[in-house]
Amino acid sequence: MTPLLVLAAVLGLAIGSFLNVVIYRVPRGESLIRPGSHCPGCGDAIRPRHNVPVLGWLALRGRCATCQARISVRYPLVEAGTALLFVAITARFGLSPDLPAYLYLASIAVALAMIDLDVRRLPNVIVLPSYLVGLILLAPAVIASGDWGQAVRALAAMAALWLFYRLLTVVRPGGMGLGDVKLAGLLGLYLGWLGWDALLVGAFAGFLIGGLAGAALLTARRATGKTAVPFGPFMLLGALLAIFAAGPVAGWYLSLLPSA
């Protein structure tokens, strides 16, 4: 593993630790700064040595040092998962002007997916500012390449995917939340930056993954036709798939078409 990927892994662990705070506090409307990390059971502050990502949870054996309340395994999984995602994104983009923008996308993808699974909501406080953050983080890449056509395509894709999801809420009221619509525009920005193939693969993959997951839940009798299933995680998974594999997937699909 190169030093850059090692750095990405360490940064991912640190960001993952912070994302655990975001996932827990944002839906509750709590401050991300105060109070510091503490046990939800007894309220005691977590000691610095126990706040080390992944290792702290292992050292505590998944229990609070004070009250012995169980600490969910999801905490180290979010930290490790974010680190792996950071490594993958860094390997995909290298030390390029695009890298910070997609690391940011990876971070909010983890937070939004977990929050949507928890409370069936994609908080505006994360999604809406991310439009501006995305534009700011992609700006150096535009300046470095001088390819303003790429920027125009990203903005057009942002509007197109937002409009598509908004139309779905009109055609089938209740089938799609407005939070999904807002997230769609943001994903359109990032996918459009990579190309129209990334946009199409990412959008289609979200519906495909969601459909397969829904079918699996129905088959396992874990859900019914009326069960509300959060769609945000599937949208985010589809977008991540497109970031890494849009080219090969699009090429495979085109190879299936009859030649002229």
Protein backbone atom coordinates (compact mmCIF):
# COMPACT_ATOMS: atom_id res chain seq x y z
CA MET A 1 0.00 0.00 0.00
CA THR A 2 1.41 3.36 -1.01
CA PRO A 3 1.88 6.19 1.51
CA LEU A 4 -1.02 8.06 -0.11
CA LEU A 5 -3.38 5.14 0.46
CA VAL A 6 -2.15 4.73 4.03
CA LEU A 7 -2.85 8.41 4.61
CA ALA A 8 -6.30 7.96 3.07
CA ALA A 9 -7.01 5.03 5.41
CA VAL A 10 -5.96 6.99 8.51
CA LEU A 11 -8.00 10.00 7.40
CA GLY A 12 -10.96 7.74 6.71
CA LEU A 13 -10.79 6.26 10.21
CA ALA A 14 -10.76 9.75 11.75
CA ILE A 15 -13.62 10.97 9.52
CA GLY A 16 -15.55 7.77 10.24
CA SER A 17 -15.29 8.46 13.96
CA PHE A 18 -16.76 11.92 13.40
CA LEU A 19 -19.48 10.49 11.15
CA ASN A 20 -20.65 8.34 14.04
CA VAL A 21 -21.32 11.58 15.90
CA VAL A 22 -23.12 13.02 12.87
CA ILE A 23 -25.27 9.90 12.45
CA TYR A 24 -26.33 9.93 16.08
CA ARG A 25 -26.76 13.65 16.71
CA VAL A 26 -28.05 15.24 13.50
CA PRO A 27 -31.43 13.44 13.51
CA ARG A 28 -31.85 14.51 17.14
CA GLY A 29 -31.01 18.15 16.42
CA GLU A 30 -28.02 18.05 18.77
CA SER A 31 -24.78 20.00 18.47
CA LEU A 32 -21.88 18.21 16.80
CA ILE A 33 -19.40 20.03 19.03
CA ARG A 34 -20.80 20.02 22.57
CA PRO A 35 -20.84 17.96 24.65
CA GLY A 36 -17.86 15.84 23.67
CA SER A 37 -18.10 12.13 22.96
CA HIS A 38 -19.94 10.41 25.77
CA CYS A 39 -21.80 7.23 26.60
CA PRO A 40 -25.51 7.54 25.68
CA GLY A 41 -26.32 5.35 28.70
CA CYS A 42 -24.57 6.96 31.66
CA GLY A 43 -23.44 10.21 30.03
CA ASP A 44 -19.80 9.82 31.11
CA ALA A 45 -17.20 11.30 28.74
CA ILE A 46 -15.29 8.78 26.67
CA ARG A 47 -11.61 8.74 27.58
CA PRO A 48 -9.21 9.80 24.79
CA ARG A 49 -7.58 6.36 24.63
CA HIS A 50 -11.01 4.77 24.15
CA ASN A 51 -11.88 7.23 21.38
CA VAL A 52 -9.32 5.81 18.95
CA PRO A 53 -11.25 4.54 15.88
CA VAL A 54 -11.90 0.78 15.89
CA LEU A 55 -9.15 0.06 18.44
CA GLY A 56 -11.01 1.89 21.21
CA TRP A 57 -14.10 -0.28 20.69
CA LEU A 58 -11.98 -3.43 20.65
CA ALA A 59 -10.17 -2.40 23.83
CA LEU A 60 -13.50 -1.86 25.58
CA ARG A 61 -14.85 -5.11 24.15
CA GLY A 62 -17.90 -3.24 22.97
CA ARG A 63 -18.96 -1.93 26.39
CA CYS A 64 -18.81 1.40 28.19
CA ALA A 65 -15.85 1.59 30.60
CA THR A 66 -18.08 3.14 33.29
CA CYS A 67 -21.52 1.56 33.14
CA GLN A 68 -20.77 -1.48 30.97
CA ALA A 69 -23.63 -0.60 28.62
CA ARG A 70 -23.23 -2.28 25.25
CA ILE A 71 -21.73 -0.13 22.46
CA SER A 72 -23.08 -1.06 19.05
CA VAL A 73 -20.71 -2.81 16.66
CA ARG A 74 -21.92 -0.32 14.08
CA TYR A 75 -19.49 2.28 15.46
CA PRO A 76 -16.29 0.45 14.44
CA LEU A 77 -17.95 -0.76 11.23
CA VAL A 78 -18.70 2.84 10.18
CA GLU A 79 -15.11 3.81 10.96
CA ALA A 80 -13.58 0.87 9.10
CA GLY A 81 -16.04 1.20 6.23
CA THR A 82 -15.24 4.88 5.79
CA ALA A 83 -11.52 4.08 5.79
CA LEU A 84 -11.98 1.43 3.09
CA LEU A 85 -14.09 3.81 1.03
CA PHE A 86 -11.46 6.55 1.34
CA VAL A 87 -8.78 4.12 0.16
CA ALA A 88 -10.91 3.06 -2.81
CA ILE A 89 -11.72 6.65 -3.79
CA THR A 90 -8.06 7.65 -3.48
CA ALA A 91 -6.99 4.69 -5.61
CA ARG A 92 -9.63 5.68 -8.18
CA PHE A 93 -8.70 9.38 -8.49
CA GLY A 94 -5.12 9.51 -7.28
CA LEU A 95 -3.63 12.81 -6.19
CA SER A 96 -5.86 14.82 -8.53
CA PRO A 97 -7.93 18.01 -8.11
CA ASP A 98 -11.07 15.81 -8.14
CA LEU A 99 -10.04 13.82 -5.08
CA PRO A 100 -11.26 16.14 -2.26
CA ALA A 101 -14.71 16.43 -3.85
CA TYR A 102 -15.20 12.68 -4.04
CA LEU A 103 -13.81 12.07 -0.56
CA TYR A 104 -16.42 14.53 0.67
CA LEU A 105 -19.10 12.66 -1.28
CA ALA A 106 -17.96 9.39 0.30
CA SER A 107 -18.22 10.95 3.77
CA ILE A 108 -21.76 12.25 3.39
CA ALA A 109 -22.78 9.03 1.62
CA VAL A 110 -21.93 7.05 4.75
CA ALA A 111 -23.72 9.52 7.03
CA LEU A 112 -26.84 9.87 4.86
CA ALA A 113 -27.19 6.14 4.26
CA MET A 114 -27.06 5.34 7.99
CA ILE A 115 -29.39 8.19 8.96
CA ASP A 116 -31.92 7.19 6.29
CA LEU A 117 -31.85 3.61 7.53
CA ASP A 118 -32.35 4.82 11.11
CA VAL A 119 -35.03 7.49 10.75
CA ARG A 120 -36.20 7.30 7.09
CA ARG A 121 -34.98 10.83 6.45
CA LEU A 122 -32.24 12.58 4.49
CA PRO A 123 -31.56 15.72 6.55
CA ASN A 124 -31.55 19.02 4.66
CA VAL A 125 -28.78 20.22 6.95
CA ILE A 126 -26.45 17.74 5.23
CA VAL A 127 -27.86 17.50 1.69
CA LEU A 128 -28.51 21.15 0.81
CA PRO A 129 -25.14 22.65 1.88
CA SER A 130 -23.45 19.80 0.03
CA TYR A 131 -24.49 21.35 -3.30
CA LEU A 132 -22.37 24.41 -2.54
CA VAL A 133 -19.55 22.34 -1.05
CA GLY A 134 -19.52 20.11 -4.13
CA LEU A 135 -19.33 23.08 -6.47
CA ILE A 136 -16.51 24.66 -4.45
CA LEU A 137 -14.51 21.41 -4.28
CA LEU A 138 -14.89 20.72 -8.00
CA ALA A 139 -13.91 24.29 -8.97
CA PRO A 140 -10.12 23.67 -8.72
CA ALA A 141 -10.50 20.72 -11.11
CA VAL A 142 -12.27 22.98 -13.61
CA ILE A 143 -9.56 25.61 -13.31
CA ALA A 144 -6.77 23.04 -13.59
CA SER A 145 -8.21 21.36 -16.69
CA GLY A 146 -9.80 24.40 -18.30
CA ASP A 147 -12.60 22.08 -19.41
CA TRP A 148 -15.66 24.22 -18.80
CA GLY A 149 -17.72 21.78 -20.86
CA GLN A 150 -17.25 19.24 -18.07
CA ALA A 151 -18.62 21.74 -15.57
CA VAL A 152 -21.62 22.51 -17.78
CA ARG A 153 -22.31 18.79 -18.15
CA ALA A 154 -22.18 18.34 -14.37
CA LEU A 155 -24.70 21.15 -13.84
CA ALA A 156 -26.96 19.80 -16.60
CA ALA A 157 -26.82 16.32 -15.08
CA MET A 158 -27.63 17.78 -11.67
CA ALA A 159 -30.76 19.45 -13.06
CA ALA A 160 -31.73 16.40 -15.13
CA LEU A 161 -31.57 13.88 -12.29
CA TRP A 162 -33.34 16.25 -9.91
CA LEU A 163 -36.12 16.75 -12.46
CA PHE A 164 -36.42 13.02 -13.13
CA TYR A 165 -36.89 12.23 -9.44
CA ARG A 166 -39.25 15.15 -9.00
CA LEU A 167 -41.42 13.82 -11.83
CA LEU A 168 -41.50 10.45 -10.10
CA THR A 169 -43.02 12.07 -7.02
CA VAL A 170 -45.73 13.59 -9.22
CA VAL A 171 -46.46 10.39 -11.17
CA ARG A 172 -46.46 8.22 -8.05
CA PRO A 173 -47.16 10.32 -4.94
CA GLY A 174 -45.73 8.76 -1.80
CA GLY A 175 -43.45 6.44 -3.72
CA MET A 176 -40.48 8.77 -3.43
CA GLY A 177 -39.66 11.32 -0.74
CA LEU A 178 -38.56 14.88 -1.38
CA GLY A 179 -35.33 14.05 0.42
CA ASP A 180 -34.59 11.56 -2.37
CA VAL A 181 -35.26 14.30 -4.94
CA LYS A 182 -32.78 16.66 -3.27
CA LEU A 183 -30.18 13.90 -3.01
CA ALA A 184 -30.71 13.03 -6.69
CA GLY A 185 -29.61 16.50 -7.80
CA LEU A 186 -26.47 16.27 -5.70
CA LEU A 187 -25.58 12.84 -7.08
CA GLY A 188 -26.29 14.12 -10.57
CA LEU A 189 -23.66 16.81 -10.07
CA TYR A 190 -20.96 14.32 -9.11
CA LEU A 191 -21.92 11.68 -11.67
CA GLY A 192 -22.33 14.22 -14.46
CA TRP A 193 -18.83 15.48 -13.75
CA LEU A 194 -17.54 12.00 -14.65
CA GLY A 195 -19.69 11.65 -17.78
CA TRP A 196 -23.16 10.81 -19.09
CA ASP A 197 -22.38 7.11 -18.83
CA ALA A 198 -21.70 7.53 -15.10
CA LEU A 199 -25.01 9.37 -14.67
CA LEU A 200 -27.01 6.69 -16.48
CA VAL A 201 -25.28 3.77 -14.78
CA GLY A 202 -25.55 5.39 -11.34
CA ALA A 203 -29.25 6.20 -11.71
CA PHE A 204 -30.14 2.78 -13.11
CA ALA A 205 -28.02 0.93 -10.54
CA GLY A 206 -29.83 2.68 -7.69
CA PHE A 207 -33.19 1.40 -8.91
CA LEU A 208 -31.79 -2.05 -9.66
CA ILE A 209 -30.19 -2.46 -6.23
CA GLY A 210 -33.33 -1.11 -4.55
CA GLY A 211 -35.54 -3.49 -6.53
CA LEU A 212 -33.38 -6.49 -5.69
CA ALA A 213 -33.28 -5.55 -2.01
CA GLY A 214 -37.06 -5.08 -1.95
CA ALA A 215 -37.59 -8.45 -3.61
CA ALA A 216 -35.28 -10.09 -1.08
CA LEU A 217 -37.18 -8.53 1.84
CA LEU A 218 -40.50 -9.68 0.40
CA THR A 219 -39.17 -13.19 -0.18
CA ALA A 220 -37.83 -13.36 3.37
CA ARG A 221 -41.15 -11.93 4.64
CA ARG A 222 -39.31 -9.06 6.28
CA ALA A 223 -41.49 -6.56 4.44
CA THR A 224 -44.81 -6.27 2.63
CA GLY A 225 -45.87 -4.28 -0.40
CA LYS A 226 -46.83 -1.42 1.92
CA THR A 227 -43.60 -1.37 3.97
CA ALA A 228 -41.71 1.93 3.68
CA VAL A 229 -38.14 1.16 2.65
CA PRO A 230 -35.60 4.02 2.60
CA PHE A 231 -34.34 4.56 -0.93
CA GLY A 232 -31.43 6.88 -0.16
CA PRO A 233 -28.93 4.08 0.59
CA PHE A 234 -29.67 2.45 -2.77
CA MET A 235 -29.22 5.75 -4.60
CA LEU A 236 -25.87 6.22 -2.89
CA LEU A 237 -24.76 2.65 -3.59
CA GLY A 238 -25.68 3.08 -7.24
CA ALA A 239 -23.70 6.31 -7.45
CA LEU A 240 -20.63 4.72 -5.84
CA LEU A 241 -20.88 1.78 -8.24
CA ALA A 242 -20.93 4.21 -11.17
CA ILE A 243 -17.90 6.09 -9.85
CA PHE A 244 -15.84 2.91 -9.92
CA ALA A 245 -17.34 0.95 -12.79
CA ALA A 246 -19.39 3.18 -15.11
CA GLY A 247 -17.03 2.69 -18.04
CA PRO A 248 -16.92 -1.14 -17.94
CA VAL A 249 -20.66 -1.41 -17.23
CA ALA A 250 -21.57 0.93 -20.08
CA GLY A 251 -19.15 -0.90 -22.40
CA TRP A 252 -20.67 -4.27 -21.48
CA TYR A 253 -24.17 -2.99 -22.17
CA LEU A 254 -23.22 -1.53 -25.53
CA SER A 255 -21.59 -4.83 -26.49
CA LEU A 256 -24.97 -6.52 -26.09
CA LEU A 257 -26.59 -4.24 -28.66
CA PRO A 258 -26.74 -5.51 -32.24
CA SER A 259 -24.16 -3.87 -34.46
CA ALA A 260 -25.41 -1.65 -37.23
